[in-house]
């Protein structure tokens, strides 16, 4: 069986422990691709592609049926996540490095009448950033008014397997 080559980081790009640090456009692309994948999975009721594109740890902890259950309320809400592809995500904080190969992105899309909040965790695996944890939920527009705190994902889509990588605060 032939070995799979890992993509080497581009020369001259900033790195942390040999892992390339995504630039702002790459961060946006990660979020957009996740939104598109969840949107397509919700439309089809089939979460196997979302799962297959994710990091190995995500795949081990989530089968397609459990993902369908996790996103049930988001799917039933009828929110069209494809609208997120029309806007640049607003990040509520800079990317957070949880470990040398794990990164968290939090923010929202200021859609009307319902904003979409997200909390996404990615793992550097096989030469690219892969989804490791996901929370996507509707948020109130009032939360994204100037000076207000950014929306927090609601109970409709609980976070997936980010628990093993989140550091405990003492």
N, C-alpha and C. Protein backbone atom coordinates (compact mmCIF):
# COMPACT_ATOMS: atom_id res chain seq x y z
N UNK A 1 0.85 -1.17 0.00
CA UNK A 1 0.00 0.00 0.00
C UNK A 1 0.90 1.24 0.00
N UNK A 2 0.71 2.19 -0.92
CA UNK A 2 1.58 3.36 -0.98
C UNK A 2 1.36 4.26 0.23
N UNK A 3 2.44 4.89 0.65
CA UNK A 3 2.36 5.83 1.77
C UNK A 3 1.75 7.14 1.31
N UNK A 4 0.98 7.78 2.18
CA UNK A 4 0.39 9.07 1.86
C UNK A 4 1.36 10.16 2.27
N UNK A 5 1.65 11.05 1.36
CA UNK A 5 2.55 12.17 1.65
C UNK A 5 1.80 13.25 2.39
N UNK A 6 2.40 13.80 3.45
CA UNK A 6 1.79 14.92 4.14
C UNK A 6 2.22 16.20 3.46
N UNK A 7 1.28 17.11 3.35
CA UNK A 7 1.55 18.41 2.75
C UNK A 7 2.49 19.19 3.67
N UNK A 8 3.60 19.64 3.12
CA UNK A 8 4.55 20.43 3.90
C UNK A 8 4.07 21.86 3.99
N UNK A 9 4.30 22.51 5.15
CA UNK A 9 3.92 23.92 5.27
C UNK A 9 4.65 24.75 4.21
N UNK A 10 3.98 25.74 3.69
CA UNK A 10 4.58 26.61 2.68
C UNK A 10 5.77 27.36 3.26
N UNK A 11 6.87 27.45 2.50
CA UNK A 11 8.03 28.16 3.02
C UNK A 11 7.71 29.62 3.31
N UNK A 12 8.26 30.13 4.38
CA UNK A 12 8.06 31.54 4.72
C UNK A 12 6.79 31.83 5.48
N UNK A 13 5.91 30.84 5.65
CA UNK A 13 4.68 31.06 6.43
C UNK A 13 4.97 30.90 7.90
N UNK A 14 4.34 31.71 8.75
CA UNK A 14 4.53 31.54 10.19
C UNK A 14 4.07 30.15 10.63
N UNK A 15 4.81 29.59 11.58
CA UNK A 15 4.48 28.26 12.08
C UNK A 15 4.58 28.24 13.60
N UNK A 16 3.83 27.34 14.20
CA UNK A 16 3.92 27.06 15.62
C UNK A 16 4.16 25.57 15.73
N UNK A 17 5.30 25.18 16.26
CA UNK A 17 5.66 23.76 16.40
C UNK A 17 5.54 23.03 15.06
N UNK A 18 5.95 23.66 13.98
CA UNK A 18 5.92 23.03 12.66
C UNK A 18 4.57 23.04 11.99
N UNK A 19 3.55 23.61 12.63
CA UNK A 19 2.21 23.68 12.06
C UNK A 19 1.99 25.10 11.53
N UNK A 20 1.56 25.24 10.26
CA UNK A 20 1.37 26.59 9.72
C UNK A 20 0.22 27.33 10.42
N UNK A 21 0.47 28.59 10.68
CA UNK A 21 -0.56 29.45 11.27
C UNK A 21 -1.40 29.99 10.11
N UNK A 22 -2.71 29.73 10.12
CA UNK A 22 -3.54 30.20 9.02
C UNK A 22 -3.62 31.73 8.98
N UNK A 23 -3.60 32.28 7.77
CA UNK A 23 -3.79 33.73 7.64
C UNK A 23 -5.30 34.01 7.70
N UNK A 24 -5.70 35.29 7.76
CA UNK A 24 -7.13 35.60 7.90
C UNK A 24 -8.01 34.98 6.82
N UNK A 25 -7.57 34.96 5.58
CA UNK A 25 -8.39 34.35 4.52
C UNK A 25 -8.55 32.85 4.75
N UNK A 26 -7.48 32.19 5.17
CA UNK A 26 -7.57 30.75 5.44
C UNK A 26 -8.51 30.46 6.61
N UNK A 27 -8.49 31.33 7.64
CA UNK A 27 -9.42 31.15 8.75
C UNK A 27 -10.86 31.26 8.26
N UNK A 28 -11.13 32.26 7.42
CA UNK A 28 -12.47 32.42 6.86
C UNK A 28 -12.86 31.18 6.06
N UNK A 29 -11.94 30.67 5.25
CA UNK A 29 -12.23 29.49 4.43
C UNK A 29 -12.54 28.27 5.29
N UNK A 30 -11.85 28.11 6.41
CA UNK A 30 -12.14 27.00 7.32
C UNK A 30 -13.58 27.09 7.83
N UNK A 31 -13.95 28.29 8.27
CA UNK A 31 -15.30 28.48 8.81
C UNK A 31 -16.34 28.28 7.70
N UNK A 32 -16.12 28.90 6.53
CA UNK A 32 -17.08 28.75 5.43
C UNK A 32 -17.23 27.28 5.01
N UNK A 33 -16.13 26.56 4.92
CA UNK A 33 -16.23 25.16 4.48
C UNK A 33 -16.98 24.33 5.52
N UNK A 34 -16.79 24.65 6.80
CA UNK A 34 -17.54 23.93 7.84
C UNK A 34 -19.03 24.25 7.74
N UNK A 35 -19.36 25.52 7.54
CA UNK A 35 -20.78 25.90 7.40
C UNK A 35 -21.41 25.21 6.20
N UNK A 36 -20.68 25.16 5.09
CA UNK A 36 -21.21 24.50 3.89
C UNK A 36 -21.41 23.01 4.14
N UNK A 37 -20.45 22.37 4.80
CA UNK A 37 -20.56 20.94 5.07
C UNK A 37 -21.75 20.63 5.99
N UNK A 38 -21.92 21.43 7.04
CA UNK A 38 -23.05 21.21 7.95
C UNK A 38 -24.37 21.50 7.23
N UNK A 39 -24.39 22.55 6.41
CA UNK A 39 -25.59 22.88 5.66
C UNK A 39 -25.99 21.72 4.73
N UNK A 40 -25.03 21.20 4.00
CA UNK A 40 -25.32 20.09 3.08
C UNK A 40 -25.76 18.85 3.84
N UNK A 41 -25.11 18.58 4.97
CA UNK A 41 -25.51 17.43 5.79
C UNK A 41 -26.93 17.60 6.31
N UNK A 42 -27.27 18.83 6.74
CA UNK A 42 -28.63 19.09 7.21
C UNK A 42 -29.65 18.90 6.10
N UNK A 43 -29.33 19.38 4.89
CA UNK A 43 -30.27 19.23 3.77
C UNK A 43 -30.49 17.77 3.42
N UNK A 44 -29.41 17.01 3.39
CA UNK A 44 -29.49 15.61 2.98
C UNK A 44 -29.89 14.69 4.12
N UNK A 45 -29.71 15.15 5.37
CA UNK A 45 -29.93 14.26 6.50
C UNK A 45 -28.85 13.19 6.58
N UNK A 46 -27.72 13.43 5.91
CA UNK A 46 -26.64 12.46 5.84
C UNK A 46 -25.35 13.17 6.29
N UNK A 47 -24.78 12.71 7.38
CA UNK A 47 -23.63 13.38 7.99
C UNK A 47 -22.33 12.63 7.75
N UNK A 48 -22.35 11.64 6.84
CA UNK A 48 -21.15 10.84 6.62
C UNK A 48 -20.01 11.64 5.99
N UNK A 49 -20.29 12.55 5.07
CA UNK A 49 -19.22 13.35 4.45
C UNK A 49 -18.63 14.32 5.48
N UNK A 50 -19.48 14.98 6.26
CA UNK A 50 -18.99 15.86 7.32
C UNK A 50 -18.05 15.08 8.23
N UNK A 51 -18.45 13.90 8.62
CA UNK A 51 -17.65 13.05 9.50
C UNK A 51 -16.35 12.63 8.81
N UNK A 52 -16.44 12.22 7.56
CA UNK A 52 -15.26 11.73 6.85
C UNK A 52 -14.22 12.82 6.60
N UNK A 53 -14.64 14.07 6.50
CA UNK A 53 -13.71 15.18 6.28
C UNK A 53 -13.07 15.66 7.58
N UNK A 54 -13.56 15.19 8.70
CA UNK A 54 -13.11 15.66 10.01
C UNK A 54 -11.88 14.90 10.49
N UNK A 55 -11.31 15.39 11.59
CA UNK A 55 -10.14 14.76 12.20
C UNK A 55 -10.52 13.37 12.73
N UNK A 56 -9.52 12.53 12.85
CA UNK A 56 -9.74 11.15 13.29
C UNK A 56 -10.44 11.09 14.65
N UNK A 57 -10.05 11.94 15.59
CA UNK A 57 -10.69 11.94 16.91
C UNK A 57 -12.18 12.24 16.83
N UNK A 58 -12.56 13.14 15.94
CA UNK A 58 -13.97 13.47 15.71
C UNK A 58 -14.69 12.25 15.15
N UNK A 59 -14.07 11.58 14.19
CA UNK A 59 -14.67 10.41 13.57
C UNK A 59 -14.89 9.29 14.57
N UNK A 60 -13.91 9.09 15.46
CA UNK A 60 -14.00 8.02 16.45
C UNK A 60 -15.16 8.27 17.42
N UNK A 61 -15.36 9.53 17.81
CA UNK A 61 -16.39 9.86 18.80
C UNK A 61 -17.77 10.08 18.22
N UNK A 62 -17.89 10.21 16.90
CA UNK A 62 -19.18 10.56 16.29
C UNK A 62 -19.47 9.69 15.08
N UNK A 63 -20.58 8.97 15.14
CA UNK A 63 -21.02 8.29 13.93
C UNK A 63 -22.07 9.17 13.26
N UNK A 64 -22.46 8.82 12.07
CA UNK A 64 -23.41 9.65 11.32
C UNK A 64 -24.74 9.82 12.06
N UNK A 65 -25.20 8.77 12.72
CA UNK A 65 -26.48 8.84 13.43
C UNK A 65 -26.41 9.81 14.61
N UNK A 66 -25.30 9.79 15.35
CA UNK A 66 -25.19 10.71 16.49
C UNK A 66 -25.07 12.16 16.01
N UNK A 67 -24.41 12.38 14.87
CA UNK A 67 -24.34 13.73 14.31
C UNK A 67 -25.73 14.20 13.87
N UNK A 68 -26.50 13.32 13.29
CA UNK A 68 -27.87 13.68 12.88
C UNK A 68 -28.68 14.09 14.10
N UNK A 69 -28.50 13.39 15.21
CA UNK A 69 -29.22 13.74 16.44
C UNK A 69 -28.72 15.06 17.00
N UNK A 70 -27.42 15.28 16.97
CA UNK A 70 -26.83 16.52 17.49
C UNK A 70 -27.35 17.74 16.75
N UNK A 71 -27.49 17.64 15.43
CA UNK A 71 -27.91 18.78 14.62
C UNK A 71 -29.42 18.80 14.36
N UNK A 72 -30.17 17.93 15.03
CA UNK A 72 -31.62 17.84 14.81
C UNK A 72 -32.32 19.18 15.02
N UNK A 73 -32.08 19.85 16.14
CA UNK A 73 -32.81 21.10 16.39
C UNK A 73 -32.39 22.20 15.41
N UNK A 74 -31.13 22.23 15.03
CA UNK A 74 -30.68 23.21 14.03
C UNK A 74 -31.36 22.92 12.70
N UNK A 75 -31.42 21.65 12.34
CA UNK A 75 -32.07 21.24 11.09
C UNK A 75 -33.56 21.59 11.13
N UNK A 76 -34.21 21.31 12.24
CA UNK A 76 -35.64 21.58 12.37
C UNK A 76 -35.95 23.08 12.41
N UNK A 77 -34.99 23.89 12.82
CA UNK A 77 -35.22 25.33 12.87
C UNK A 77 -35.38 25.92 11.46
N UNK A 78 -34.90 25.20 10.45
CA UNK A 78 -35.04 25.67 9.07
C UNK A 78 -34.07 26.78 8.70
N UNK A 79 -33.10 27.08 9.55
CA UNK A 79 -32.12 28.13 9.25
C UNK A 79 -31.26 27.68 8.08
N UNK A 80 -31.12 28.57 7.11
CA UNK A 80 -30.35 28.29 5.90
C UNK A 80 -28.89 28.70 6.14
N UNK A 81 -28.04 27.72 6.47
CA UNK A 81 -26.64 28.02 6.74
C UNK A 81 -25.88 28.45 5.49
N UNK A 82 -26.45 28.23 4.30
CA UNK A 82 -25.74 28.66 3.08
C UNK A 82 -25.63 30.19 3.05
N UNK A 83 -26.49 30.89 3.76
CA UNK A 83 -26.39 32.35 3.82
C UNK A 83 -25.09 32.81 4.49
N UNK A 84 -24.49 31.95 5.30
CA UNK A 84 -23.22 32.32 5.94
C UNK A 84 -22.11 32.44 4.90
N UNK A 85 -22.29 31.83 3.75
CA UNK A 85 -21.26 31.89 2.70
C UNK A 85 -21.23 33.25 2.02
N UNK A 86 -22.23 34.09 2.29
CA UNK A 86 -22.31 35.42 1.69
C UNK A 86 -21.63 36.49 2.53
N UNK A 87 -21.27 36.16 3.76
CA UNK A 87 -20.68 37.13 4.68
C UNK A 87 -19.34 36.65 5.19
N UNK A 88 -18.51 37.60 5.55
CA UNK A 88 -17.26 37.27 6.22
C UNK A 88 -17.58 37.00 7.69
N UNK A 89 -17.04 35.91 8.25
CA UNK A 89 -17.31 35.67 9.66
C UNK A 89 -16.70 36.77 10.53
N UNK A 90 -17.38 37.09 11.62
CA UNK A 90 -16.87 38.03 12.61
C UNK A 90 -16.37 37.19 13.78
N UNK A 91 -15.08 37.29 14.05
CA UNK A 91 -14.50 36.50 15.14
C UNK A 91 -14.62 37.28 16.44
N UNK A 92 -15.10 36.61 17.49
CA UNK A 92 -15.27 37.26 18.78
C UNK A 92 -13.98 37.27 19.58
N UNK A 93 -12.99 36.53 19.12
CA UNK A 93 -11.68 36.48 19.75
C UNK A 93 -10.68 36.00 18.71
N UNK A 94 -9.41 36.27 18.92
CA UNK A 94 -8.41 35.72 17.99
C UNK A 94 -8.41 34.20 18.07
N UNK A 95 -7.88 33.52 17.06
CA UNK A 95 -7.80 32.06 17.15
C UNK A 95 -7.07 31.66 18.43
N UNK A 96 -7.59 30.66 19.10
CA UNK A 96 -7.00 30.20 20.36
C UNK A 96 -6.30 28.87 20.11
N UNK A 97 -5.02 28.81 20.42
CA UNK A 97 -4.27 27.58 20.27
C UNK A 97 -4.46 26.76 21.55
N UNK A 98 -5.15 25.63 21.44
CA UNK A 98 -5.43 24.79 22.59
C UNK A 98 -4.30 23.81 22.86
N UNK A 99 -3.58 23.45 21.81
CA UNK A 99 -2.39 22.61 21.88
C UNK A 99 -1.61 22.91 20.61
N UNK A 100 -0.40 22.39 20.45
CA UNK A 100 0.36 22.72 19.24
C UNK A 100 -0.34 22.35 17.93
N UNK A 101 -1.30 21.42 17.98
CA UNK A 101 -1.98 21.02 16.74
C UNK A 101 -3.49 21.24 16.78
N UNK A 102 -3.98 21.97 17.78
CA UNK A 102 -5.44 22.17 17.91
C UNK A 102 -5.72 23.67 18.08
N UNK A 103 -6.69 24.17 17.29
CA UNK A 103 -7.02 25.59 17.27
C UNK A 103 -8.54 25.76 17.38
N UNK A 104 -8.96 26.77 18.14
CA UNK A 104 -10.38 27.07 18.32
C UNK A 104 -10.71 28.42 17.69
N UNK A 105 -11.83 28.47 16.97
CA UNK A 105 -12.34 29.70 16.36
C UNK A 105 -13.74 29.95 16.88
N UNK A 106 -13.98 31.16 17.42
CA UNK A 106 -15.30 31.54 17.92
C UNK A 106 -15.74 32.82 17.24
N UNK A 107 -17.02 32.88 16.92
CA UNK A 107 -17.54 34.10 16.32
C UNK A 107 -18.97 33.94 15.87
N UNK A 108 -19.35 34.76 14.87
CA UNK A 108 -20.73 34.74 14.41
C UNK A 108 -20.81 35.33 13.01
N UNK A 109 -21.94 35.09 12.39
CA UNK A 109 -22.33 35.73 11.14
C UNK A 109 -23.52 36.61 11.47
N UNK A 110 -23.44 37.90 11.17
CA UNK A 110 -24.50 38.84 11.51
C UNK A 110 -25.64 38.83 10.50
N UNK A 111 -26.25 37.69 10.33
CA UNK A 111 -27.38 37.56 9.40
C UNK A 111 -28.64 38.15 10.02
N UNK A 112 -29.57 38.53 9.17
CA UNK A 112 -30.87 39.03 9.61
C UNK A 112 -31.96 38.11 9.11
N UNK A 113 -32.94 37.77 9.86
CA UNK A 113 -33.24 38.27 11.20
C UNK A 113 -32.52 37.50 12.30
N UNK A 114 -31.85 36.39 11.95
CA UNK A 114 -31.21 35.57 12.97
C UNK A 114 -29.73 35.41 12.67
N UNK A 115 -28.91 35.86 13.59
CA UNK A 115 -27.46 35.68 13.45
C UNK A 115 -27.13 34.20 13.73
N UNK A 116 -25.94 33.79 13.30
CA UNK A 116 -25.49 32.42 13.53
C UNK A 116 -24.17 32.50 14.31
N UNK A 117 -24.17 31.93 15.52
CA UNK A 117 -22.96 31.85 16.32
C UNK A 117 -22.24 30.54 16.06
N UNK A 118 -20.92 30.55 16.19
CA UNK A 118 -20.16 29.31 16.01
C UNK A 118 -19.00 29.23 17.00
N UNK A 119 -18.68 28.02 17.37
CA UNK A 119 -17.52 27.68 18.18
C UNK A 119 -16.96 26.43 17.52
N UNK A 120 -15.84 26.58 16.81
CA UNK A 120 -15.29 25.50 16.01
C UNK A 120 -13.88 25.17 16.48
N UNK A 121 -13.56 23.90 16.53
CA UNK A 121 -12.23 23.44 16.91
C UNK A 121 -11.68 22.63 15.74
N UNK A 122 -10.43 22.93 15.37
CA UNK A 122 -9.76 22.24 14.26
C UNK A 122 -8.47 21.62 14.76
N UNK A 123 -8.13 20.47 14.16
CA UNK A 123 -6.88 19.79 14.48
C UNK A 123 -6.05 19.69 13.21
N UNK A 124 -4.74 19.97 13.31
CA UNK A 124 -3.83 19.82 12.19
C UNK A 124 -3.57 18.33 12.03
N UNK A 125 -3.99 17.77 10.90
CA UNK A 125 -3.89 16.34 10.68
C UNK A 125 -3.71 16.07 9.19
N UNK A 126 -2.78 15.21 8.87
CA UNK A 126 -2.53 14.82 7.48
C UNK A 126 -2.31 16.03 6.58
N UNK A 127 -1.60 17.03 7.11
CA UNK A 127 -1.21 18.18 6.30
C UNK A 127 -2.26 19.25 6.11
N UNK A 128 -3.33 19.23 6.92
CA UNK A 128 -4.34 20.28 6.82
C UNK A 128 -5.14 20.38 8.11
N UNK A 129 -5.85 21.50 8.26
CA UNK A 129 -6.72 21.69 9.42
C UNK A 129 -8.01 20.93 9.17
N UNK A 130 -8.38 20.07 10.12
CA UNK A 130 -9.61 19.27 10.01
C UNK A 130 -10.50 19.53 11.23
N UNK A 131 -11.81 19.49 10.99
CA UNK A 131 -12.78 19.74 12.06
C UNK A 131 -12.60 18.73 13.18
N UNK A 132 -12.58 19.23 14.42
CA UNK A 132 -12.41 18.39 15.59
C UNK A 132 -13.57 18.57 16.58
N UNK A 133 -14.21 19.73 16.56
CA UNK A 133 -15.35 20.01 17.43
C UNK A 133 -16.19 21.11 16.81
N UNK A 134 -17.51 21.05 17.00
CA UNK A 134 -18.38 22.03 16.34
C UNK A 134 -19.59 22.36 17.20
N UNK A 135 -19.89 23.65 17.25
CA UNK A 135 -21.14 24.14 17.82
C UNK A 135 -21.60 25.29 16.93
N UNK A 136 -22.79 25.15 16.39
CA UNK A 136 -23.40 26.17 15.52
C UNK A 136 -24.82 26.37 16.03
N UNK A 137 -25.19 27.64 16.26
CA UNK A 137 -26.52 27.89 16.79
C UNK A 137 -27.01 29.28 16.41
N UNK A 138 -28.34 29.43 16.30
CA UNK A 138 -28.90 30.77 16.07
C UNK A 138 -28.57 31.67 17.26
N UNK A 139 -28.43 32.97 16.98
CA UNK A 139 -28.14 33.95 18.03
C UNK A 139 -28.96 35.20 17.77
N UNK A 140 -29.24 35.93 18.81
CA UNK A 140 -30.03 37.16 18.71
C UNK A 140 -29.21 38.29 18.09
N UNK A 141 -29.82 39.04 17.19
CA UNK A 141 -29.15 40.20 16.60
C UNK A 141 -28.82 41.25 17.65
N UNK A 142 -29.61 41.31 18.70
CA UNK A 142 -29.35 42.29 19.75
C UNK A 142 -27.98 42.06 20.38
N UNK A 143 -27.52 40.82 20.35
CA UNK A 143 -26.22 40.50 20.93
C UNK A 143 -25.06 41.02 20.10
N UNK A 144 -25.29 41.39 18.86
CA UNK A 144 -24.17 41.83 18.03
C UNK A 144 -24.24 43.32 17.74
N UNK A 145 -25.03 44.06 18.49
CA UNK A 145 -25.06 45.51 18.36
C UNK A 145 -23.73 46.07 18.85
N UNK A 146 -23.31 47.24 18.36
CA UNK A 146 -22.04 47.81 18.81
C UNK A 146 -21.96 47.88 20.33
N UNK A 147 -20.84 47.42 20.84
CA UNK A 147 -20.61 47.45 22.28
C UNK A 147 -21.18 46.27 23.03
N UNK A 148 -21.96 45.45 22.35
CA UNK A 148 -22.54 44.28 23.01
C UNK A 148 -21.61 43.09 22.88
N UNK A 149 -21.76 42.14 23.77
CA UNK A 149 -20.96 40.92 23.68
C UNK A 149 -21.38 40.14 22.46
N UNK A 150 -20.46 39.43 21.80
CA UNK A 150 -20.83 38.63 20.66
C UNK A 150 -21.77 37.50 21.07
N UNK A 151 -22.57 37.00 20.14
CA UNK A 151 -23.51 35.95 20.48
C UNK A 151 -22.79 34.68 20.91
N UNK A 152 -23.39 33.99 21.84
CA UNK A 152 -22.87 32.70 22.25
C UNK A 152 -23.78 31.63 21.68
N UNK A 153 -23.19 30.55 21.16
CA UNK A 153 -24.04 29.49 20.64
C UNK A 153 -25.02 29.01 21.70
N UNK A 154 -26.26 28.79 21.29
CA UNK A 154 -27.30 28.39 22.21
C UNK A 154 -27.36 26.89 22.39
N UNK A 155 -28.39 26.42 23.05
CA UNK A 155 -28.49 25.01 23.37
C UNK A 155 -28.87 24.14 22.18
N UNK A 156 -29.20 24.73 21.04
CA UNK A 156 -29.68 23.93 19.91
C UNK A 156 -28.63 22.98 19.35
N UNK A 157 -27.36 23.34 19.41
CA UNK A 157 -26.31 22.48 18.87
C UNK A 157 -25.17 22.41 19.87
N UNK A 158 -25.23 21.46 20.81
CA UNK A 158 -24.21 21.40 21.84
C UNK A 158 -22.84 21.11 21.22
N UNK A 159 -21.77 21.58 21.87
CA UNK A 159 -20.44 21.33 21.34
C UNK A 159 -20.16 19.84 21.23
N UNK A 160 -19.46 19.48 20.19
CA UNK A 160 -19.04 18.10 20.02
C UNK A 160 -17.63 17.96 20.57
N UNK A 161 -16.89 16.99 20.25
CA UNK A 161 -15.84 16.44 21.10
C UNK A 161 -14.69 17.35 21.48
N UNK A 162 -14.96 18.59 21.79
CA UNK A 162 -13.87 19.47 22.18
C UNK A 162 -13.42 19.21 23.61
N UNK A 163 -14.19 18.50 24.41
CA UNK A 163 -13.87 18.27 25.82
C UNK A 163 -12.46 17.73 26.03
N UNK A 164 -11.98 16.76 25.25
CA UNK A 164 -10.64 16.23 25.52
C UNK A 164 -9.51 17.23 25.30
N UNK A 165 -9.74 18.28 24.54
CA UNK A 165 -8.65 19.20 24.23
C UNK A 165 -8.74 20.52 24.97
N UNK A 166 -9.81 20.75 25.70
CA UNK A 166 -9.96 22.02 26.43
C UNK A 166 -9.20 21.93 27.75
N UNK A 167 -8.27 22.87 27.97
CA UNK A 167 -7.54 22.84 29.24
C UNK A 167 -8.46 23.22 30.40
N UNK A 168 -8.21 22.62 31.54
CA UNK A 168 -8.99 22.94 32.74
C UNK A 168 -8.37 24.14 33.40
N UNK A 169 -9.25 25.02 33.95
CA UNK A 169 -8.78 26.19 34.66
C UNK A 169 -8.77 25.86 36.15
N UNK A 170 -7.67 26.16 36.78
CA UNK A 170 -7.55 25.87 38.23
C UNK A 170 -7.91 27.08 39.03
